Amino acid sequence: MRGRRALQRARQNAPAHAVAHHRRGIAIRFQRFRAAGAGAFAAFFAVLGPGLLAGLSDDDPAGITTYSVLGADFGYKLLWIIPASTILLVQFHLLAVRIGAVTGLGFVGVLRQRWGRSAGYVGALGLLFANFGTICAEYAGISAAGALVGIPNWVSSPLAAVLMSSLVVYGSFHRVERVLLLISSTLALYIVAGILAAPDWGQVLRHSLVPSLPTSPAGWVVIAATLGTTLAPWGLAFIQSYAVDKKVTLDKLRWERVDVVVGSLLTGVIGLAIAIACAATLHRAGVHISDAGDAAAALEPLAGKFATVLFGAGLLGASLLAAAIVPLATAYSIAEGLGAPASLDLDSRHFQLFYAAFVGLTMAAASVVSLPGLPLIPLIYASQVVNAVMLPLHVIALQLLARDVGVMGTARTGPWGALAGWVSVGLIIACVAALGLSWLRA
C-alpha cells in the first residue's frame, strides 16, 4: 500500500514522459534493476542504447552513399576525414548526453527553457528542414535494397513506412529499442565486405592517419558531406532526447560514456570499411557511382557475388534502422519545441503530437521516394551538405549550454573541456568555410 501511494506521489510530481514510463512499467523495472546491486556489466546494459543507436544510425543510406562516393571517386586519399569525424562524434555525443542527463531535457527542450519559446521554435524548424531530406534518403535506401532483389519502390517504401510506424506507435520503449539494436547488428556486414575487397592495407593505414587536402571542389564537397553524415545534427538531437527518454542520469553517466564511445567507434570502423571496399574495387576499376545501390551492384564483378549480397543486406539494415531513428529525432525536436510530451512510452491510445509527427514524417518521406522520376541522389547528397552547414550552429549551441551555470549548475564543462570543444568547433567551421571557398573559385 505504501509503495502504491509513493508511486502515485511520484506520478503527480513527475513530468509527462516520466509518468508514461511509470504507466508502462519501464521506470519501475529500471529502478529495481539498479537498486538490486547490479554489477558493472549489468549496469552498462541498463544504459546501453543511446550511444549505439545514435552512432550506428549515422551509417545510414545517405552515409553509405557518401562513404561509397568518397572511396570510388578518390580512392584511399581522403580516408582521414572518417577517423577525424569519428573523434568529433565521440566528443559531441558525450556533450549532448551530459546536457540531457543534467537537465532531463532534449536539445530543443533546453533551447526553449534557456532562451524562450522562439528559440525552441527555431530549433525545431531548423532540424525539421535539415532532417526531412535525410528521412527521404533512408527510404531511398530501402528502395535501392529492394531493387536489388526486384521489389519496386512503390511497394518497399510504403511497406517499410507502415512497419516502422506500427513499431513506434504500438511498441513500448523496451520493445522498440530491442528491435532497433537487432537491426543495427546487420551493419557489421560492411566490415566483412571491406575485408573481402582485398585492399592495400599500407595505403589504408597511411591515408587514414595522414591528412591530404583535396584539389577540387568535388573533394571539398565529399569532405563536408562526410563530416555532415558522420556528425549529423539529427544524431546529436536524438542522442540527447533518447538518453532523457531512457532516464540516463548524471550518476549513471560513466556507463553511458562507454555506450557512446563504442557506438561512435563502430560508426567510424563501418564507414571506413565501406570507403575501403569501394576504393579497392570501384576506384581501381575507374567505376563511378551515383548511390549505395549502384555500389552494391558494381561490386559483384569486382569482388564477387557474396560481397554484393553483404553490401545489399547491410544497406537494408542501415535503411530500416535510420528510417526509425531520424524521424524519431525529428519528432522529439518538434514536440519539445512546442512544449509537448516526447517519449516512446506515451499512451498511444490517445492523440499524441510526438507520435503524429513521427507518422507524418514517415509517410511523407515514403510518398516522396515513391514518386516516379524524382532525382533522389541530388536530394540525398544535398541533405548531407545541409547537415554540414547546420552543424556549426548546433555544436556552438551545445558549447554555450554546457558552460552555462544556469543550465548545468556545478556539472558545467570545465575550462579544458570547453577549450577542446571550441577547437573542434573551429575545425568544423573551417571545413565548411573551405567548402564555400572552393565553390566560389570553381
Protein backbone atom coordinates (compact mmCIF):
# COMPACT_ATOMS: atom_id res chain seq x y z
CA MET A 1 0.00 0.00 0.00
CA ARG A 2 2.81 2.39 0.92
CA GLY A 3 4.58 1.57 -2.34
CA ARG A 4 1.43 2.35 -4.33
CA ARG A 5 0.98 5.71 -2.57
CA ALA A 6 4.64 6.56 -3.17
CA LEU A 7 4.21 5.74 -6.82
CA GLN A 8 1.12 7.99 -7.02
CA ARG A 9 3.04 10.86 -5.40
CA ALA A 10 5.91 10.33 -7.83
CA ARG A 11 3.49 10.49 -10.74
CA GLN A 12 1.97 13.74 -9.51
CA ASN A 13 5.40 15.42 -9.28
CA ALA A 14 6.91 13.90 -12.41
CA PRO A 15 6.98 15.32 -15.96
CA ALA A 16 4.66 13.79 -18.57
CA HIS A 17 7.24 11.48 -20.12
CA ALA A 18 8.17 10.11 -16.70
CA VAL A 19 4.51 9.33 -15.98
CA ALA A 20 4.39 7.46 -19.27
CA HIS A 21 7.35 5.34 -18.15
CA HIS A 22 5.53 4.51 -14.92
CA ARG A 23 2.38 3.70 -16.87
CA ARG A 24 4.07 1.00 -18.90
CA GLY A 25 6.37 -0.07 -16.10
CA ILE A 26 9.69 0.84 -17.72
CA ALA A 27 10.90 3.19 -14.98
CA ILE A 28 9.96 0.69 -12.26
CA ARG A 29 11.89 -2.11 -13.94
CA PHE A 30 14.99 0.06 -14.33
CA GLN A 31 14.79 1.25 -10.72
CA ARG A 32 14.52 -2.32 -9.43
CA PHE A 33 17.34 -3.45 -11.69
CA ARG A 34 19.67 -0.73 -10.47
CA ALA A 35 18.60 -0.96 -6.83
CA ALA A 36 19.26 -4.70 -6.76
CA GLY A 37 23.00 -4.07 -6.62
CA ALA A 38 23.64 -4.95 -10.26
CA GLY A 39 27.29 -5.33 -11.16
CA ALA A 40 29.28 -3.24 -13.61
CA PHE A 41 28.37 -5.38 -16.62
CA ALA A 42 24.66 -5.24 -15.79
CA ALA A 43 24.86 -1.51 -15.09
CA PHE A 44 26.32 -0.98 -18.56
CA PHE A 45 23.46 -2.88 -20.18
CA ALA A 46 20.96 -0.81 -18.20
CA VAL A 47 22.06 2.31 -20.10
CA LEU A 48 23.01 0.58 -23.37
CA GLY A 49 21.25 2.02 -26.39
CA PRO A 50 21.53 5.78 -26.94
CA GLY A 51 25.20 5.77 -27.95
CA LEU A 52 24.99 2.66 -30.12
CA LEU A 53 21.79 3.66 -31.91
CA ALA A 54 22.75 7.30 -32.42
CA GLY A 55 26.21 6.32 -33.67
CA LEU A 56 25.30 3.40 -35.92
CA SER A 57 22.32 5.20 -37.46
CA ASP A 58 24.86 7.68 -38.87
CA ASP A 59 25.84 4.83 -41.22
CA ASP A 60 22.51 5.28 -42.98
CA PRO A 61 21.87 5.16 -46.77
CA ALA A 62 22.98 8.78 -47.11
CA GLY A 63 26.12 7.95 -45.14
CA ILE A 64 26.75 4.77 -47.12
CA THR A 65 26.32 6.73 -50.36
CA THR A 66 28.73 9.42 -49.14
CA TYR A 67 31.36 6.90 -47.97
CA SER A 68 30.95 4.94 -51.23
CA VAL A 69 31.46 8.07 -53.38
CA LEU A 70 34.47 9.05 -51.26
CA GLY A 71 36.12 5.68 -51.90
CA ALA A 72 35.03 5.25 -55.52
CA ASP A 73 35.99 8.75 -56.68
CA PHE A 74 39.04 9.50 -54.52
CA GLY A 75 40.40 6.08 -53.59
CA TYR A 76 42.29 5.99 -50.31
CA LYS A 77 43.35 9.66 -50.47
CA LEU A 78 40.61 11.19 -48.29
CA LEU A 79 40.08 8.34 -45.81
CA TRP A 80 41.45 10.52 -42.98
CA ILE A 81 38.21 12.53 -42.78
CA ILE A 82 36.38 9.47 -41.39
CA PRO A 83 38.61 8.95 -38.29
CA ALA A 84 38.70 12.74 -37.77
CA SER A 85 34.89 12.90 -37.91
CA THR A 86 34.67 9.94 -35.53
CA ILE A 87 36.73 11.77 -32.89
CA LEU A 88 34.36 14.75 -33.15
CA LEU A 89 31.41 12.35 -32.96
CA VAL A 90 32.63 10.95 -29.63
CA GLN A 91 33.27 14.43 -28.25
CA PHE A 92 29.91 16.00 -29.09
CA HIS A 93 27.78 12.92 -28.42
CA LEU A 94 29.26 12.80 -24.92
CA LEU A 95 28.49 16.51 -24.51
CA ALA A 96 24.88 16.09 -25.67
CA VAL A 97 24.28 13.13 -23.34
CA ARG A 98 25.77 15.06 -20.41
CA ILE A 99 23.45 18.01 -21.00
CA GLY A 100 20.47 15.65 -21.24
CA ALA A 101 21.46 13.79 -18.08
CA VAL A 102 21.78 17.02 -16.08
CA THR A 103 18.72 18.88 -17.39
CA GLY A 104 16.33 15.99 -18.14
CA LEU A 105 15.55 17.74 -21.46
CA GLY A 106 16.31 17.13 -25.11
CA PHE A 107 18.26 19.64 -27.19
CA VAL A 108 15.27 21.69 -28.37
CA GLY A 109 13.74 21.46 -24.90
CA VAL A 110 16.87 23.02 -23.39
CA LEU A 111 16.87 25.74 -26.06
CA ARG A 112 13.25 26.54 -25.19
CA GLN A 113 13.94 26.59 -21.45
CA ARG A 114 17.12 28.68 -21.71
CA TRP A 115 16.29 31.18 -24.46
CA GLY A 116 12.50 31.09 -24.66
CA ARG A 117 9.78 29.66 -26.90
CA SER A 118 11.08 31.43 -30.02
CA ALA A 119 14.42 29.62 -29.71
CA GLY A 120 12.54 26.33 -29.34
CA TYR A 121 10.52 27.03 -32.50
CA VAL A 122 13.63 27.97 -34.47
CA GLY A 123 15.48 24.85 -33.28
CA ALA A 124 12.57 22.56 -34.17
CA LEU A 125 12.07 24.16 -37.61
CA GLY A 126 15.80 24.06 -38.37
CA LEU A 127 16.03 20.36 -37.55
CA LEU A 128 12.83 19.64 -39.49
CA PHE A 129 14.28 21.38 -42.55
CA ALA A 130 17.62 19.58 -42.30
CA ASN A 131 16.15 16.19 -41.40
CA PHE A 132 13.43 15.70 -43.98
CA GLY A 133 15.88 15.23 -46.84
CA THR A 134 17.72 12.67 -44.70
CA ILE A 135 14.47 10.81 -43.93
CA CYS A 136 13.80 10.64 -47.68
CA ALA A 137 17.33 9.29 -48.06
CA GLU A 138 16.53 6.44 -45.65
CA TYR A 139 13.53 5.37 -47.70
CA ALA A 140 15.55 5.77 -50.90
CA GLY A 141 17.98 3.28 -49.34
CA ILE A 142 15.14 0.86 -48.62
CA SER A 143 14.03 1.23 -52.25
CA ALA A 144 17.59 0.62 -53.50
CA ALA A 145 17.95 -2.51 -51.34
CA GLY A 146 14.56 -3.76 -52.54
CA ALA A 147 15.50 -3.10 -56.17
CA LEU A 148 18.49 -5.45 -55.81
CA VAL A 149 16.01 -8.33 -55.43
CA GLY A 150 13.39 -6.99 -57.85
CA ILE A 151 10.98 -5.23 -55.43
CA PRO A 152 9.67 -1.92 -56.87
CA ASN A 153 10.00 1.23 -54.76
CA TRP A 154 6.23 1.82 -54.67
CA VAL A 155 5.99 -1.46 -52.70
CA SER A 156 9.10 -1.41 -50.49
CA SER A 157 8.90 2.20 -49.27
CA PRO A 158 5.21 2.27 -48.17
CA LEU A 159 5.53 -1.20 -46.61
CA ALA A 160 8.56 -0.13 -44.58
CA ALA A 161 6.77 3.07 -43.53
CA VAL A 162 3.81 1.10 -42.19
CA LEU A 163 6.09 -1.33 -40.33
CA MET A 164 8.17 1.46 -38.74
CA SER A 165 5.07 3.44 -37.74
CA SER A 166 3.43 0.37 -36.19
CA LEU A 167 6.61 -0.48 -34.25
CA VAL A 168 6.99 3.01 -32.78
CA VAL A 169 3.32 3.80 -32.10
CA TYR A 170 2.26 0.43 -30.70
CA GLY A 171 5.53 -0.81 -29.20
CA SER A 172 6.85 0.01 -25.76
CA PHE A 173 10.19 1.72 -25.18
CA HIS A 174 11.92 -1.59 -24.45
CA ARG A 175 10.47 -3.37 -27.47
CA VAL A 176 11.38 -0.57 -29.89
CA GLU A 177 14.92 -0.43 -28.54
CA ARG A 178 15.44 -4.20 -28.78
CA VAL A 179 14.26 -4.27 -32.40
CA LEU A 180 16.47 -1.33 -33.37
CA LEU A 181 19.55 -2.83 -31.69
CA LEU A 182 18.89 -6.11 -33.55
CA ILE A 183 18.64 -4.26 -36.86
CA SER A 184 21.84 -2.34 -36.13
CA SER A 185 23.80 -5.60 -35.90
CA THR A 186 23.44 -6.05 -39.69
CA LEU A 187 25.90 -3.16 -40.19
CA ALA A 188 28.73 -5.50 -39.21
CA LEU A 189 28.33 -6.99 -42.70
CA TYR A 190 30.15 -3.97 -44.13
CA ILE A 191 33.29 -4.85 -42.20
CA VAL A 192 33.27 -8.24 -43.90
CA ALA A 193 32.69 -6.59 -47.30
CA GLY A 194 35.68 -4.29 -46.71
CA ILE A 195 37.94 -7.25 -45.93
CA LEU A 196 36.69 -9.23 -48.96
CA ALA A 197 37.66 -6.31 -51.22
CA ALA A 198 41.37 -7.12 -50.51
CA PRO A 199 42.57 -3.51 -50.15
CA ASP A 200 46.15 -2.25 -49.94
CA TRP A 201 46.35 -2.09 -46.14
CA GLY A 202 49.52 0.01 -46.20
CA GLN A 203 47.74 2.70 -48.19
CA VAL A 204 44.68 2.39 -45.94
CA LEU A 205 46.78 2.97 -42.81
CA ARG A 206 48.74 5.85 -44.31
CA HIS A 207 45.77 7.80 -45.67
CA SER A 208 43.64 7.13 -42.59
CA LEU A 209 46.22 8.83 -40.37
CA VAL A 210 47.90 11.42 -42.62
CA PRO A 211 45.57 14.14 -43.99
CA SER A 212 45.87 15.19 -47.62
CA LEU A 213 43.76 18.10 -48.83
CA PRO A 214 41.57 17.76 -51.91
CA THR A 215 42.48 19.65 -55.06
CA SER A 216 38.97 20.09 -56.50
CA PRO A 217 35.59 21.43 -55.35
CA ALA A 218 34.22 17.87 -55.57
CA GLY A 219 36.79 16.80 -52.98
CA TRP A 220 35.71 19.53 -50.55
CA VAL A 221 32.07 18.61 -51.12
CA VAL A 222 32.71 14.98 -50.22
CA ILE A 223 34.68 16.04 -47.11
CA ALA A 224 31.83 18.31 -45.98
CA ALA A 225 29.27 15.60 -46.78
CA THR A 226 31.31 13.02 -44.81
CA LEU A 227 31.52 15.35 -41.82
CA GLY A 228 27.80 16.11 -42.11
CA THR A 229 26.78 12.46 -42.36
CA THR A 230 29.07 11.26 -39.53
CA LEU A 231 28.39 14.09 -37.09
CA ALA A 232 24.81 14.87 -38.11
CA PRO A 233 22.73 17.46 -36.22
CA TRP A 234 19.83 14.99 -36.04
CA GLY A 235 22.14 12.46 -34.37
CA LEU A 236 23.13 14.99 -31.72
CA ALA A 237 19.48 15.86 -31.12
CA PHE A 238 18.46 12.20 -30.99
CA ILE A 239 21.11 11.01 -28.54
CA GLN A 240 20.22 13.76 -26.06
CA SER A 241 16.45 13.21 -26.25
CA TYR A 242 16.80 9.43 -26.22
CA ALA A 243 19.13 9.47 -23.20
CA VAL A 244 16.48 11.54 -21.39
CA ASP A 245 13.77 9.12 -22.53
CA LYS A 246 15.82 6.24 -21.13
CA LYS A 247 16.30 8.02 -17.79
CA VAL A 248 20.07 8.35 -18.00
CA THR A 249 21.11 10.49 -15.03
CA LEU A 250 24.39 12.08 -14.01
CA ASP A 251 25.27 9.24 -11.62
CA LYS A 252 24.90 6.69 -14.48
CA LEU A 253 26.86 8.78 -16.95
CA ARG A 254 30.12 6.84 -16.67
CA TRP A 255 28.47 3.74 -18.15
CA GLU A 256 26.69 5.77 -20.81
CA ARG A 257 30.12 7.12 -21.86
CA VAL A 258 31.15 3.55 -22.71
CA ASP A 259 27.99 3.16 -24.80
CA VAL A 260 28.72 6.43 -26.65
CA VAL A 261 32.38 5.62 -27.32
CA VAL A 262 31.62 2.08 -28.54
CA GLY A 263 28.81 3.28 -30.80
CA SER A 264 30.94 6.09 -32.26
CA LEU A 265 33.97 3.88 -32.89
CA LEU A 266 31.81 1.26 -34.61
CA THR A 267 30.36 4.04 -36.77
CA GLY A 268 33.86 5.06 -37.87
CA VAL A 269 35.01 1.49 -38.49
CA ILE A 270 31.95 0.71 -40.62
CA GLY A 271 32.31 3.97 -42.55
CA LEU A 272 35.96 3.16 -43.23
CA ALA A 273 35.06 -0.37 -44.34
CA ILE A 274 32.57 0.99 -46.89
CA ALA A 275 35.03 3.55 -48.27
CA ILE A 276 37.84 0.96 -48.37
CA ALA A 277 35.67 -1.59 -50.21
CA CYS A 278 34.82 0.98 -52.89
CA ALA A 279 38.38 2.33 -53.10
CA ALA A 280 39.86 -1.14 -53.53
CA THR A 281 37.39 -2.15 -56.26
CA LEU A 282 35.43 0.65 -57.90
CA HIS A 283 38.17 3.32 -57.83
CA ARG A 284 40.76 0.86 -59.08
CA ALA A 285 38.46 -0.07 -62.00
CA GLY A 286 37.50 3.55 -62.72
CA VAL A 287 33.82 2.95 -61.91
CA HIS A 288 31.77 5.98 -60.88
CA ILE A 289 28.59 5.52 -58.87
CA SER A 290 25.51 7.55 -58.01
CA ASP A 291 24.23 5.83 -54.89
CA ALA A 292 24.71 2.93 -52.47
CA GLY A 293 22.59 0.65 -54.66
CA ASP A 294 24.96 1.27 -57.57
CA ALA A 295 27.88 0.45 -55.29
CA ALA A 296 26.32 -2.87 -54.28
CA ALA A 297 25.61 -3.82 -57.90
CA ALA A 298 29.05 -2.72 -59.13
CA LEU A 299 30.87 -4.78 -56.53
CA GLU A 300 29.77 -8.14 -57.98
CA PRO A 301 32.13 -8.37 -60.97
CA LEU A 302 34.98 -6.91 -58.91
CA ALA A 303 34.68 -8.56 -55.50
CA GLY A 304 32.27 -11.45 -56.06
CA LYS A 305 28.56 -12.01 -55.54
CA PHE A 306 28.99 -12.63 -51.79
CA ALA A 307 30.37 -9.10 -51.31
CA THR A 308 27.38 -7.73 -53.24
CA VAL A 309 24.94 -9.66 -51.04
CA LEU A 310 26.67 -8.40 -47.89
CA PHE A 311 26.63 -4.80 -49.16
CA GLY A 312 22.95 -5.04 -50.09
CA ALA A 313 21.93 -6.67 -46.80
CA GLY A 314 23.85 -4.04 -44.87
CA LEU A 315 22.12 -1.32 -46.90
CA LEU A 316 18.69 -2.71 -45.99
CA GLY A 317 19.56 -2.98 -42.29
CA ALA A 318 21.02 0.54 -42.24
CA SER A 319 17.96 1.90 -44.04
CA LEU A 320 15.48 0.31 -41.63
CA LEU A 321 17.45 1.47 -38.58
CA ALA A 322 17.73 5.07 -39.75
CA ALA A 323 14.14 5.08 -41.03
CA ALA A 324 13.16 4.77 -37.37
CA ILE A 325 15.88 6.92 -35.78
CA VAL A 326 15.81 10.07 -37.94
CA PRO A 327 12.00 10.57 -37.77
CA LEU A 328 12.24 9.86 -34.03
CA ALA A 329 14.90 12.54 -33.63
CA THR A 330 12.71 14.98 -35.55
CA ALA A 331 9.55 14.04 -33.63
CA TYR A 332 11.40 14.58 -30.32
CA SER A 333 12.50 18.03 -31.55
CA ILE A 334 9.06 19.08 -32.80
CA ALA A 335 7.32 18.02 -29.58
CA GLU A 336 10.00 19.63 -27.40
CA GLY A 337 9.84 22.84 -29.42
CA LEU A 338 6.08 23.07 -28.88
CA GLY A 339 6.31 22.10 -25.21
CA ALA A 340 4.50 18.78 -25.71
CA PRO A 341 5.46 15.43 -24.09
CA ALA A 342 8.08 13.49 -26.05
CA SER A 343 8.61 9.83 -25.18
CA LEU A 344 8.40 6.36 -26.70
CA ASP A 345 6.29 5.34 -23.70
CA LEU A 346 3.45 7.82 -24.14
CA ASP A 347 -0.06 6.37 -24.22
CA SER A 348 -0.66 5.60 -27.90
CA ARG A 349 -4.42 5.12 -27.45
CA HIS A 350 -4.95 8.89 -27.39
CA PHE A 351 -3.66 11.61 -29.72
CA GLN A 352 -0.02 12.47 -29.05
CA LEU A 353 1.82 15.14 -31.04
CA PHE A 354 5.03 13.11 -30.73
CA TYR A 355 3.55 10.07 -32.48
CA ALA A 356 1.67 12.22 -35.01
CA ALA A 357 4.92 13.94 -36.02
CA PHE A 358 6.69 10.60 -36.41
CA VAL A 359 3.96 9.05 -38.55
CA GLY A 360 3.51 12.22 -40.63
CA LEU A 361 7.23 12.49 -41.41
CA THR A 362 7.49 8.78 -42.18
CA MET A 363 4.53 8.69 -44.55
CA ALA A 364 5.58 11.94 -46.28
CA ALA A 365 9.11 10.64 -46.92
CA ALA A 366 7.88 7.27 -48.20
CA SER A 367 5.46 9.08 -50.53
CA VAL A 368 8.21 11.34 -51.91
CA VAL A 369 10.50 8.38 -52.59
CA SER A 370 7.67 6.53 -54.37
CA LEU A 371 7.22 9.36 -56.90
CA PRO A 372 8.47 8.32 -60.36
CA GLY A 373 11.36 10.27 -61.86
CA LEU A 374 12.28 12.11 -58.67
CA PRO A 375 16.02 12.99 -58.55
CA LEU A 376 16.74 11.18 -55.29
CA ILE A 377 20.53 11.20 -55.46
CA PRO A 378 20.89 15.01 -55.56
CA LEU A 379 18.40 15.14 -52.68
CA ILE A 380 20.41 12.64 -50.62
CA TYR A 381 23.76 14.28 -51.27
CA ALA A 382 22.40 17.79 -50.72
CA SER A 383 20.86 16.74 -47.39
CA GLN A 384 24.30 15.78 -46.09
CA VAL A 385 25.81 19.09 -47.18
CA VAL A 386 22.91 20.89 -45.44
CA ASN A 387 23.73 18.87 -42.31
CA ALA A 388 27.35 20.03 -42.52
CA VAL A 389 26.32 23.68 -42.94
CA MET A 390 23.90 23.50 -39.97
CA LEU A 391 26.34 21.55 -37.81
CA PRO A 392 28.34 24.62 -36.59
CA LEU A 393 25.15 26.21 -35.23
CA HIS A 394 24.26 23.04 -33.33
CA VAL A 395 27.68 22.45 -31.77
CA ILE A 396 28.05 26.14 -30.84
CA ALA A 397 24.70 25.93 -29.01
CA LEU A 398 25.88 22.77 -27.21
CA GLN A 399 29.09 24.50 -26.15
CA LEU A 400 27.22 27.53 -24.78
CA LEU A 401 24.72 25.36 -22.91
CA ALA A 402 27.44 23.13 -21.44
CA ARG A 403 29.21 26.17 -19.93
CA ASP A 404 26.02 27.85 -18.69
CA VAL A 405 25.79 27.68 -14.88
CA GLY A 406 22.05 28.33 -15.04
CA VAL A 407 21.59 25.22 -17.17
CA MET A 408 24.28 22.84 -15.88
CA GLY A 409 24.98 24.08 -12.35
CA THR A 410 28.10 22.50 -10.88
CA ALA A 411 28.15 19.93 -13.70
CA ARG A 412 29.08 22.51 -16.33
CA THR A 413 32.05 21.83 -18.59
CA GLY A 414 35.45 22.78 -17.16
CA PRO A 415 37.89 25.18 -18.86
CA TRP A 416 39.93 22.43 -20.55
CA GLY A 417 36.82 20.68 -21.84
CA ALA A 418 35.50 23.99 -23.12
CA LEU A 419 38.81 24.72 -24.87
CA ALA A 420 38.80 21.32 -26.58
CA GLY A 421 35.20 21.89 -27.63
CA TRP A 422 35.88 25.31 -29.16
CA VAL A 423 38.91 23.97 -31.02
CA SER A 424 36.66 21.29 -32.54
CA VAL A 425 34.01 23.89 -33.39
CA GLY A 426 36.74 25.90 -35.15
CA LEU A 427 37.75 22.86 -37.21
CA ILE A 428 34.14 22.23 -38.24
CA ILE A 429 33.67 25.86 -39.28
CA ALA A 430 36.97 25.79 -41.21
CA CYS A 431 35.81 22.68 -43.10
CA VAL A 432 32.50 24.29 -44.07
CA ALA A 433 34.26 27.56 -44.99
CA ALA A 434 36.68 25.66 -47.23
CA LEU A 435 33.70 24.11 -48.99
CA GLY A 436 32.24 27.57 -49.61
CA LEU A 437 35.54 28.97 -50.91
CA SER A 438 36.01 26.01 -53.25
CA TRP A 439 32.57 26.68 -54.75
CA LEU A 440 33.33 30.40 -55.20
CA ARG A 441 36.57 29.63 -57.03
CA ALA A 442 35.02 26.96 -59.24
